[in-house]
Amino acid sequence: MAARLLVTLGDPRGVGPEVTAAALRSLRAERPELNVELFGADPRGVLGSAGPTPTSDVDFDGSEVSAGRVAGRAIEAAVAAALSCERGGERTAVVTAPIHKPALRAAGWAEPGHTELLMRLSGAPAVGMLMAAERTRLGGPLRVLLATTHVALRDVPALVTSELLVGQTRLLHRELRERFGVAAPRIALCALNPHASDAGLFGDEERRVFMPALDALSALDVAGPVPADTVFSRAIAGEFDAVVAPYHDVGMAAFKTVSFGAGVNVTLGLPFVRTSPDHGTAFDRVGTDAIDASSMLEALRLALRLAVPARVSEGL
């Protein structure tokens, strides 16, 4: 049985409505039985027959505050619907189009992004931000979990603790098995310092933080700390099923280089599936021929797959 898709349109000034419309048209050709509900505003009327009329309890007046309010309320409504469906035994997946973080903040939300907001709204004890591409420009898949997310680089060393690495890796291992169907996940911990510190020449986090984490994870198949300049290519070559990156940009730079347009953001640890495209609001592309809906289409496809996972199998 197909899952019910709950799609938020994101910032109404951005490309969310356009990429959603294009992706839904393509997906309906593959899955005519598609059950979808839209949340948010479509001020340019681009959705047409691509999906049902989106619902919003907030009027959009064109301002940044209004845009943030529409986007935030859409997320809240979609989460409430997903939790209600899951309690009733219906498989659901939330797919979120891009928001503009300053607009969300201007409208009164304290969270820096989707991941943190979804954690609070769902009551999840812990979440993880996984970037997943089942195909890349180099062929093999790449999955990268960002141990720290939307924080300043100067704050990263204090945030990357043994406890964080252990918790995020265990969460990743569980969801690779339960959602992705990988029977025996192989995970690599990406080092924080250049060359994994070269025995302490460039920092001590690998010895002081990573080694205790690896000891605690000894029951799982976890390697590391692996230098950032090799770990991602080794994962694409098939040596690892996923990589835990210590901070946002070391993971995202590698991920988007090989998978832009095919990458999907997956929030781990929620009581429902959540995915989103790997790009932002792209205000400068609204209403132009430069809009690319491929990542949104991949987000919808992966959401349906993860919401009704196949039998656990060996490998990918």
Protein backbone atom coordinates (compact mmCIF):
# COMPACT_ATOMS: atom_id res chain seq x y z
CA MET A 1 0.00 0.00 0.00
CA ALA A 2 1.37 3.41 -0.98
CA ALA A 3 2.04 5.96 1.72
CA ARG A 4 0.23 9.25 1.98
CA LEU A 5 2.41 12.21 0.96
CA LEU A 6 2.12 15.44 2.93
CA VAL A 7 3.97 18.18 1.03
CA THR A 8 4.77 21.65 2.34
CA LEU A 9 5.38 24.29 -0.32
CA GLY A 10 8.02 26.22 1.61
CA ASP A 11 8.58 29.95 1.26
CA PRO A 12 5.87 31.18 -1.15
CA ARG A 13 8.35 33.62 -2.73
CA GLY A 14 10.69 30.79 -3.70
CA VAL A 15 10.71 27.89 -6.15
CA GLY A 16 8.84 25.53 -3.84
CA PRO A 17 5.49 25.68 -5.66
CA GLU A 18 7.18 25.35 -9.07
CA VAL A 19 9.38 22.36 -8.23
CA THR A 20 6.50 20.69 -6.41
CA ALA A 21 4.21 21.10 -9.41
CA ALA A 22 6.77 19.73 -11.86
CA ALA A 23 7.78 16.86 -9.61
CA LEU A 24 4.20 15.82 -8.90
CA ARG A 25 3.37 15.74 -12.61
CA SER A 26 6.29 13.40 -13.21
CA LEU A 27 5.51 11.26 -10.18
CA ARG A 28 1.85 10.86 -11.10
CA ALA A 29 2.94 9.35 -14.41
CA GLU A 30 4.83 6.71 -12.39
CA ARG A 31 2.36 6.38 -9.52
CA PRO A 32 -1.17 7.28 -10.68
CA GLU A 33 -2.57 6.10 -7.33
CA LEU A 34 -0.58 8.83 -5.55
CA ASN A 35 -2.27 10.16 -2.41
CA VAL A 36 -0.97 13.68 -1.72
CA GLU A 37 -1.96 16.67 0.40
CA LEU A 38 -0.40 20.13 0.02
CA PHE A 39 0.21 22.71 2.75
CA GLY A 40 1.15 26.35 2.21
CA ALA A 41 0.57 29.01 -0.42
CA ASP A 42 0.83 29.01 -4.21
CA PRO A 43 0.65 32.74 -4.97
CA ARG A 44 1.58 32.35 -8.64
CA GLY A 45 -0.95 29.60 -9.27
CA VAL A 46 1.61 27.23 -10.77
CA LEU A 47 0.26 24.00 -9.29
CA GLY A 48 -2.84 23.83 -11.46
CA SER A 49 -3.86 20.18 -11.91
CA ALA A 50 -0.57 18.86 -10.56
CA GLY A 51 -2.06 18.38 -7.12
CA PRO A 52 -4.90 19.28 -4.80
CA THR A 53 -5.43 22.88 -3.73
CA PRO A 54 -2.94 23.69 -0.96
CA THR A 55 -4.34 24.55 2.44
CA SER A 56 -3.13 27.43 4.60
CA ASP A 57 -4.64 29.23 7.57
CA VAL A 58 -2.38 32.25 6.93
CA ASP A 59 -2.79 34.88 4.21
CA PHE A 60 0.33 35.72 2.22
CA ASP A 61 0.81 39.46 1.61
CA GLY A 62 4.22 39.33 -0.07
CA SER A 63 6.28 40.39 2.94
CA GLU A 64 9.10 38.40 4.51
CA VAL A 65 7.25 38.03 7.80
CA SER A 66 4.17 36.77 5.98
CA ALA A 67 6.26 34.33 3.94
CA GLY A 68 7.84 32.95 7.11
CA ARG A 69 4.47 32.66 8.79
CA VAL A 70 2.96 30.76 5.84
CA ALA A 71 5.94 28.39 5.68
CA GLY A 72 6.06 27.79 9.42
CA ARG A 73 2.34 27.14 9.77
CA ALA A 74 2.45 24.74 6.81
CA ILE A 75 5.13 22.69 8.55
CA GLU A 76 3.13 22.64 11.77
CA ALA A 77 -0.01 21.51 9.94
CA ALA A 78 1.80 18.79 8.00
CA VAL A 79 3.43 17.42 11.15
CA ALA A 80 0.07 17.37 12.96
CA ALA A 81 -1.49 15.49 10.04
CA ALA A 82 1.42 13.03 9.89
CA LEU A 83 1.24 12.26 13.60
CA SER A 84 -2.52 11.77 13.38
CA CYS A 85 -2.17 9.41 10.40
CA GLU A 86 0.60 7.40 12.04
CA ARG A 87 -1.48 6.97 15.19
CA GLY A 88 -4.27 5.65 12.98
CA GLY A 89 -1.97 3.13 11.32
CA GLU A 90 -1.62 4.98 8.01
CA ARG A 91 1.89 5.20 6.55
CA THR A 92 2.83 8.81 5.83
CA ALA A 93 5.75 10.85 4.59
CA VAL A 94 6.31 14.59 4.91
CA VAL A 95 8.17 16.23 2.02
CA THR A 96 9.20 19.84 2.56
CA ALA A 97 10.01 22.41 -0.11
CA PRO A 98 12.72 24.97 0.81
CA ILE A 99 12.13 27.63 3.44
CA HIS A 100 13.99 30.91 3.98
CA LYS A 101 15.49 30.73 7.45
CA PRO A 102 15.56 34.52 8.07
CA ALA A 103 11.86 34.70 7.15
CA LEU A 104 11.03 31.89 9.56
CA ARG A 105 12.95 33.72 12.28
CA ALA A 106 11.24 37.02 11.45
CA ALA A 107 7.87 35.30 11.81
CA GLY A 108 8.68 34.20 15.34
CA TRP A 109 10.12 30.69 15.10
CA ALA A 110 13.31 30.19 17.09
CA GLU A 111 14.57 27.08 15.29
CA PRO A 112 17.29 27.64 12.65
CA GLY A 113 15.79 25.21 10.15
CA HIS A 114 13.47 22.34 9.30
CA THR A 115 15.39 19.67 11.23
CA GLU A 116 15.22 21.39 14.58
CA LEU A 117 11.61 22.49 14.09
CA LEU A 118 10.48 18.98 13.13
CA MET A 119 12.21 17.57 16.20
CA ARG A 120 10.29 19.89 18.51
CA LEU A 121 6.93 19.46 16.80
CA SER A 122 7.14 15.68 16.72
CA GLY A 123 8.58 15.25 20.21
CA ALA A 124 11.42 13.12 18.85
CA PRO A 125 14.16 12.59 21.48
CA ALA A 126 16.94 12.79 18.89
CA VAL A 127 17.16 13.45 15.17
CA GLY A 128 19.80 13.29 12.48
CA MET A 129 20.28 15.15 9.20
CA LEU A 130 21.12 12.62 6.52
CA MET A 131 21.95 13.64 2.96
CA ALA A 132 21.17 10.69 0.70
CA ALA A 133 21.85 10.16 -2.99
CA GLU A 134 21.11 6.71 -4.36
CA ARG A 135 23.06 7.67 -7.46
CA THR A 136 25.91 10.14 -7.91
CA ARG A 137 27.97 11.52 -10.79
CA LEU A 138 30.61 8.93 -9.91
CA GLY A 139 28.14 6.08 -10.04
CA GLY A 140 27.82 4.71 -6.53
CA PRO A 141 25.47 6.00 -3.85
CA LEU A 142 26.51 8.40 -1.08
CA ARG A 143 24.85 8.94 2.29
CA VAL A 144 26.25 11.53 4.67
CA LEU A 145 24.93 12.23 8.16
CA LEU A 146 25.80 15.69 9.52
CA ALA A 147 26.64 15.24 13.21
CA THR A 148 26.36 19.01 13.74
CA THR A 149 24.05 21.01 11.51
CA HIS A 150 23.34 24.74 11.32
CA VAL A 151 25.99 26.15 13.64
CA ALA A 152 28.95 28.48 13.22
CA LEU A 153 32.22 26.77 12.37
CA ARG A 154 33.88 28.26 15.45
CA ASP A 155 31.38 26.35 17.64
CA VAL A 156 31.95 22.94 16.04
CA PRO A 157 34.92 21.60 18.08
CA ALA A 158 33.06 22.02 21.36
CA LEU A 159 29.91 20.41 19.94
CA VAL A 160 31.60 17.33 18.48
CA THR A 161 31.68 15.12 21.56
CA SER A 162 32.02 11.37 21.96
CA GLU A 163 28.41 11.25 23.12
CA LEU A 164 27.22 13.06 20.01
CA LEU A 165 29.13 10.76 17.66
CA VAL A 166 27.84 7.67 19.44
CA GLY A 167 24.24 8.82 19.47
CA GLN A 168 24.20 9.95 15.85
CA THR A 169 25.95 6.80 14.63
CA ARG A 170 23.55 4.50 16.49
CA LEU A 171 20.59 6.44 15.08
CA LEU A 172 22.04 6.17 11.58
CA HIS A 173 22.69 2.44 11.97
CA ARG A 174 19.12 1.81 13.13
CA GLU A 175 17.52 3.75 10.30
CA LEU A 176 19.78 2.26 7.63
CA ARG A 177 18.40 -1.10 8.73
CA GLU A 178 14.77 -0.16 9.32
CA ARG A 179 14.21 2.43 6.55
CA PHE A 180 16.82 1.74 3.89
CA GLY A 181 16.85 -2.04 4.20
CA VAL A 182 20.61 -2.44 4.78
CA ALA A 183 21.02 -5.56 6.91
CA ALA A 184 24.54 -4.90 8.17
CA PRO A 185 25.39 -1.20 7.78
CA ARG A 186 29.02 -0.21 7.33
CA ILE A 187 29.60 3.31 8.65
CA ALA A 188 32.65 5.58 8.61
CA LEU A 189 33.35 8.44 11.00
CA CYS A 190 34.88 11.34 9.08
CA ALA A 191 37.73 12.96 11.01
CA LEU A 192 37.51 16.54 12.24
CA ASN A 193 41.12 17.59 11.58
CA PRO A 194 43.26 17.38 8.42
CA HIS A 195 44.70 13.87 7.89
CA ALA A 196 42.82 12.74 11.03
CA SER A 197 45.31 14.96 12.95
CA ASP A 198 48.39 12.96 11.86
CA ALA A 199 48.94 11.47 15.33
CA GLY A 200 48.23 14.74 17.08
CA LEU A 201 50.12 17.18 14.86
CA PHE A 202 46.91 19.01 13.88
CA GLY A 203 44.69 18.65 16.93
CA ASP A 204 43.75 16.04 19.51
CA GLU A 205 40.04 15.46 18.81
CA GLU A 206 40.68 12.22 16.95
CA ARG A 207 42.34 10.73 20.03
CA ARG A 208 40.30 12.49 22.71
CA VAL A 209 36.82 12.38 21.13
CA PHE A 210 36.71 9.89 18.27
CA MET A 211 38.54 6.95 19.85
CA PRO A 212 36.22 6.72 22.90
CA ALA A 213 33.26 6.93 20.52
CA LEU A 214 34.64 4.09 18.41
CA ASP A 215 35.17 2.01 21.56
CA ALA A 216 31.53 2.55 22.51
CA LEU A 217 30.45 1.58 18.98
CA SER A 218 32.58 -1.57 18.83
CA ALA A 219 29.52 -3.82 18.45
CA LEU A 220 28.72 -2.11 15.14
CA ASP A 221 30.70 -2.04 11.89
CA VAL A 222 32.14 1.47 12.27
CA ALA A 223 35.49 2.63 10.89
CA GLY A 224 37.45 5.76 11.67
CA PRO A 225 38.40 8.37 12.15
CA VAL A 226 38.87 8.45 8.37
CA PRO A 227 40.37 11.64 6.85
CA ALA A 228 37.84 13.81 5.02
CA ASP A 229 39.93 13.82 1.83
CA THR A 230 39.38 10.06 1.31
CA VAL A 231 36.30 8.95 3.23
CA PHE A 232 33.69 10.13 0.72
CA SER A 233 35.36 8.57 -2.31
CA ARG A 234 35.69 5.31 -0.38
CA ALA A 235 31.97 5.42 0.40
CA ILE A 236 31.05 6.01 -3.24
CA ALA A 237 33.29 3.09 -4.19
CA GLY A 238 31.15 0.86 -1.96
CA GLU A 239 33.35 0.48 1.12
CA PHE A 240 30.84 2.22 3.42
CA ASP A 241 27.05 2.49 3.37
CA ALA A 242 27.16 5.91 5.04
CA VAL A 243 29.52 8.51 6.49
CA VAL A 244 29.12 10.55 9.67
CA ALA A 245 30.52 14.03 8.98
CA PRO A 246 31.50 16.13 12.02
CA TYR A 247 30.19 19.43 10.62
CA HIS A 248 27.90 20.77 7.94
CA ASP A 249 30.18 21.99 5.19
CA VAL A 250 32.70 19.14 5.15
CA GLY A 251 29.80 16.82 4.45
CA MET A 252 27.74 19.07 2.20
CA ALA A 253 30.64 20.18 -0.01
CA ALA A 254 31.49 16.60 -0.88
CA PHE A 255 27.86 15.53 -1.16
CA LYS A 256 26.65 18.28 -3.46
CA THR A 257 29.75 18.06 -5.67
CA VAL A 258 28.82 14.54 -6.72
CA SER A 259 25.03 14.51 -6.35
CA PHE A 260 23.47 17.95 -6.85
CA GLY A 261 20.04 17.42 -8.35
CA ALA A 262 19.86 13.82 -7.16
CA GLY A 263 20.41 14.45 -3.45
CA VAL A 264 17.74 14.29 -0.78
CA ASN A 265 17.71 15.54 2.80
CA VAL A 266 16.27 12.91 5.15
CA THR A 267 15.52 13.60 8.80
CA LEU A 268 16.26 10.52 10.89
CA GLY A 269 14.59 9.76 14.22
CA LEU A 270 11.13 11.17 13.53
CA PRO A 271 7.97 9.07 14.01
CA PHE A 272 7.31 9.57 10.30
CA VAL A 273 9.44 9.85 7.16
CA ARG A 274 10.60 13.31 6.16
CA THR A 275 12.55 14.26 3.05
CA SER A 276 13.32 17.45 1.16
CA PRO A 277 15.28 18.54 -1.92
CA ASP A 278 18.94 19.46 -1.51
CA HIS A 279 18.60 23.09 -2.66
CA GLY A 280 17.28 26.35 -1.27
CA THR A 281 14.55 28.80 -2.18
CA ALA A 282 16.36 30.06 -5.32
CA PHE A 283 14.53 33.40 -5.35
CA ASP A 284 16.48 34.45 -8.43
CA ARG A 285 15.10 31.54 -10.48
CA VAL A 286 11.42 31.95 -9.73
CA GLY A 287 9.41 32.24 -12.94
CA THR A 288 12.37 31.38 -15.19
CA ASP A 289 13.35 28.38 -17.30
CA ALA A 290 16.25 27.67 -14.92
CA ILE A 291 14.11 25.83 -12.37
CA ASP A 292 15.18 22.20 -11.88
CA ALA A 293 12.69 19.91 -10.13
CA SER A 294 14.89 16.80 -10.19
CA SER A 295 15.85 16.93 -6.50
CA MET A 296 12.22 17.46 -5.45
CA LEU A 297 11.21 14.47 -7.56
CA GLU A 298 13.91 12.36 -5.88
CA ALA A 299 12.68 13.58 -2.47
CA LEU A 300 9.14 12.42 -3.29
CA ARG A 301 10.32 9.07 -4.63
CA LEU A 302 12.55 8.38 -1.66
CA ALA A 303 9.82 9.41 0.79
CA LEU A 304 7.46 6.84 -0.69
CA ARG A 305 10.15 4.16 -0.58
CA LEU A 306 11.18 4.84 3.02
CA ALA A 307 7.61 5.08 4.30
CA VAL A 308 6.92 1.53 3.11
CA PRO A 309 10.37 -0.08 3.41
CA ALA A 310 11.22 -3.26 1.57
CA ARG A 311 12.43 -6.36 3.36
CA VAL A 312 15.87 -5.88 4.91
CA SER A 313 18.53 -7.08 2.49
CA GLU A 314 22.28 -7.36 2.45
CA GLY A 315 24.05 -4.32 0.95
CA LEU A 316 22.44 -1.59 -1.09
